[in-house]
Protein backbone atom coordinates (compact mmCIF):
# COMPACT_ATOMS: atom_id res chain seq x y z
CA UNK A 1 -14.14 1.48 -18.14
CA UNK A 2 -15.59 4.38 -16.26
CA UNK A 3 -13.86 6.18 -13.39
CA UNK A 4 -16.66 5.08 -11.09
CA UNK A 5 -16.00 1.43 -11.83
CA UNK A 6 -12.26 1.83 -11.43
CA UNK A 7 -12.90 3.49 -7.98
CA UNK A 8 -15.07 0.56 -7.00
CA UNK A 9 -12.36 -1.87 -8.13
CA UNK A 10 -9.63 0.07 -6.16
CA UNK A 11 -11.75 -0.29 -2.96
CA UNK A 12 -11.77 -4.13 -3.56
CA UNK A 13 -8.02 -4.35 -3.25
CA UNK A 14 -6.76 -5.25 0.23
CA UNK A 15 -3.33 -5.86 1.72
CA UNK A 16 -3.13 -9.24 3.34
CA UNK A 17 0.21 -10.93 4.23
CA UNK A 18 1.95 -7.86 2.80
CA UNK A 19 0.41 -8.49 -0.66
CA UNK A 20 -2.24 -6.55 -2.57
CA UNK A 21 -5.02 -9.04 -3.12
CA UNK A 22 -8.64 -9.30 -4.20
CA UNK A 23 -11.33 -11.57 -2.75
CA UNK A 24 -12.89 -14.37 -4.78
CA UNK A 25 -16.38 -12.97 -3.99
CA UNK A 26 -15.41 -9.43 -5.25
CA UNK A 27 -13.90 -10.87 -8.41
CA UNK A 28 -16.95 -13.01 -8.99
CA UNK A 29 -19.15 -9.93 -8.65
CA UNK A 30 -17.02 -8.03 -11.18
CA UNK A 31 -17.11 -10.95 -13.64
CA UNK A 32 -20.85 -11.30 -13.05
CA UNK A 33 -20.57 -14.97 -11.98
CA UNK A 34 -21.31 -16.74 -8.73
CA UNK A 35 -18.30 -17.07 -6.31
CA UNK A 36 -18.90 -20.84 -6.36
CA UNK A 37 -18.52 -20.87 -10.25
CA UNK A 38 -15.29 -18.76 -10.08
CA UNK A 39 -13.79 -21.07 -7.43
CA UNK A 40 -14.83 -24.21 -9.38
CA UNK A 41 -13.09 -22.88 -12.51
CA UNK A 42 -10.00 -22.18 -10.46
CA UNK A 43 -10.00 -25.63 -8.85
CA UNK A 44 -10.30 -27.30 -12.29
CA UNK A 45 -7.13 -25.30 -13.26
CA UNK A 46 -5.38 -25.36 -9.86
CA UNK A 47 -1.92 -25.85 -11.36
CA UNK A 48 -2.21 -22.35 -12.81
CA UNK A 49 -2.60 -20.85 -9.29
CA UNK A 50 0.51 -21.40 -7.10
CA UNK A 51 0.51 -19.99 -3.58
CA UNK A 52 1.94 -16.68 -4.79
CA UNK A 53 -1.07 -16.24 -7.14
CA UNK A 54 -3.85 -17.36 -4.81
CA UNK A 55 -4.29 -18.46 -1.22
CA UNK A 56 -7.02 -19.22 1.23
CA UNK A 57 -7.34 -17.00 4.32
CA UNK A 58 -6.74 -18.56 7.74
CA UNK A 59 -9.57 -18.51 10.24
CA UNK A 60 -7.77 -15.75 12.16
CA UNK A 61 -7.36 -13.65 9.02
CA UNK A 62 -11.01 -14.21 8.13
CA UNK A 63 -12.19 -13.13 11.63
CA UNK A 64 -10.02 -10.06 11.54
CA UNK A 65 -11.50 -9.11 8.18
CA UNK A 66 -15.02 -9.79 9.24
CA UNK A 67 -14.73 -7.29 12.08
CA UNK A 68 -12.96 -4.68 9.73
CA UNK A 69 -15.19 -4.87 6.71
CA UNK A 70 -18.39 -6.29 8.24
CA UNK A 71 -18.84 -9.48 6.19
CA UNK A 72 -21.50 -12.06 6.95
CA UNK A 73 -21.15 -14.39 9.85
CA UNK A 74 -20.87 -18.18 9.43
CA UNK A 75 -23.76 -18.55 11.96
CA UNK A 76 -26.21 -16.45 9.99
CA UNK A 77 -25.92 -18.18 6.56
CA UNK A 78 -22.70 -16.62 5.44
CA UNK A 79 -19.78 -18.41 3.87
CA UNK A 80 -19.00 -21.89 5.12
CA UNK A 81 -15.23 -21.61 4.29
CA UNK A 82 -12.58 -19.05 4.41
CA UNK A 83 -12.44 -16.98 1.17
CA UNK A 84 -9.67 -17.26 -1.44
CA UNK A 85 -7.69 -14.18 -2.31
CA UNK A 86 -5.84 -13.57 -5.60
CA UNK A 87 -2.69 -11.58 -6.01
CA UNK A 88 -2.10 -9.45 -9.07
CA UNK A 89 -0.65 -12.52 -10.82
CA UNK A 90 -3.57 -14.62 -9.82
CA UNK A 91 -5.99 -12.07 -11.19
CA UNK A 92 -4.13 -12.11 -14.49
CA UNK A 93 -4.34 -15.87 -14.59
CA UNK A 94 -8.06 -15.78 -14.08
CA UNK A 95 -8.41 -14.32 -17.62
CA UNK A 96 -7.13 -17.67 -18.96
CA UNK A 97 -9.62 -19.61 -16.80
CA UNK A 98 -12.70 -17.42 -17.25
CA UNK A 99 -12.78 -16.84 -20.98
CA UNK A 100 -15.78 -14.57 -21.24
CA UNK A 101 -15.56 -11.16 -22.86
CA UNK A 102 -16.59 -9.59 -19.54
CA UNK A 103 -13.71 -11.32 -17.73
CA UNK A 104 -11.20 -10.00 -20.26
CA UNK A 105 -12.44 -6.43 -19.98
CA UNK A 106 -12.47 -6.57 -16.13
CA UNK A 107 -8.98 -8.13 -16.05
CA UNK A 108 -7.59 -5.41 -18.23
CA UNK A 109 -9.02 -2.71 -15.85
CA UNK A 110 -7.73 -4.54 -12.75
CA UNK A 111 -4.27 -4.85 -14.24
CA UNK A 112 -4.24 -1.12 -15.02
CA UNK A 113 -5.22 -0.35 -11.40
CA UNK A 114 -2.54 -2.66 -9.98
CA UNK A 115 0.00 -1.00 -12.25
CA UNK A 116 -1.08 2.47 -11.16
CA UNK A 117 -0.98 1.46 -7.47
CA UNK A 118 2.53 0.03 -7.97
CA UNK A 119 3.65 3.31 -9.55
CA UNK A 120 2.16 5.28 -6.68
CA UNK A 121 4.04 3.11 -4.21
CA UNK A 122 7.29 3.62 -6.12
CA UNK A 123 6.75 7.36 -6.23
CA UNK A 124 5.99 7.39 -2.57
CA UNK A 125 9.19 5.45 -1.78
CA UNK A 126 11.22 7.82 -4.05
CA UNK A 127 9.79 10.83 -2.31
CA UNK A 128 10.43 9.24 1.14
CA UNK A 129 14.02 8.53 0.16
CA UNK A 130 14.54 12.06 -1.11
CA UNK A 131 13.10 13.53 2.05
CA UNK A 132 15.33 11.33 4.21
CA UNK A 133 18.44 12.46 2.20
CA UNK A 134 17.35 16.01 2.51
CA UNK A 135 16.92 15.74 6.28
CA UNK A 136 20.37 14.12 6.59
CA UNK A 137 21.94 16.86 4.52
CA UNK A 138 20.05 19.56 6.54
CA UNK A 139 21.17 18.10 9.83
CA UNK A 140 24.86 18.15 8.68
CA UNK A 141 24.53 21.76 7.47
CA UNK A 142 22.99 22.87 10.78
CA UNK A 143 25.70 21.09 12.76
CA UNK A 144 28.33 23.01 10.80
CA UNK A 145 26.41 26.36 11.19
CA UNK A 146 26.12 25.88 15.00
CA UNK A 147 29.76 24.95 15.36
CA UNK A 148 30.83 28.06 13.47
CA UNK A 149 28.53 30.23 15.48
CA UNK A 150 29.99 28.86 18.69
CA UNK A 151 33.55 29.54 17.47
CA UNK A 152 32.59 33.10 16.35
CA UNK A 153 30.97 33.75 19.74
CA UNK A 154 34.26 32.90 21.50
CA UNK A 155 36.18 35.20 19.12
CA UNK A 156 33.96 38.28 19.50
CA UNK A 157 33.19 38.32 23.19
CA UNK A 158 34.23 41.75 24.33
CA UNK A 159 37.41 42.22 26.29
CA UNK A 160 37.30 45.37 28.24
CA UNK A 161 40.33 46.46 30.22
CA UNK A 162 39.59 46.98 33.88
CA UNK A 163 40.43 50.73 33.97
CA UNK A 164 38.53 51.95 30.85
CA UNK A 165 35.19 53.68 31.08
CA UNK A 166 32.31 52.07 29.37
CA UNK A 167 30.73 54.15 26.62
CA UNK A 168 27.53 55.82 27.67
CA UNK A 169 27.96 55.37 31.34
CA UNK A 170 28.94 58.15 33.79
């Protein structure tokens, strides 16, 4: 699959309810079927799609998304129901429901993208953890350095006897 197509697919992945998901309409577009056909195939095999594989958006979630990604309004001929979204596992399960060669190719690409996104997130978390540890270590080192500087300052403050002449002064 071309890099352009992979970029298009990556832009179709959203985070909803703290899960990376894809919309039924976006998947239907990729599989080159109507959304209605995709959803009918899913409903005929609903036991393959538990709640952690697929869920329907609430009205509130749908309204929030409409304002963010400018989807069609229900008033002007848009969708009559809230869209279904598929998690990574749900997308994988779609390949067993939609058995076309196109569906298989698209699913392989989507799975690779989900895997790449997961590895980026793990790398980001690893880097974040390392920075946090570095900050903690640096803070401890600076604390020790400043404490030592304070003790040296107390030790080296000049003690001039009252009757000695200062150097360089007349």
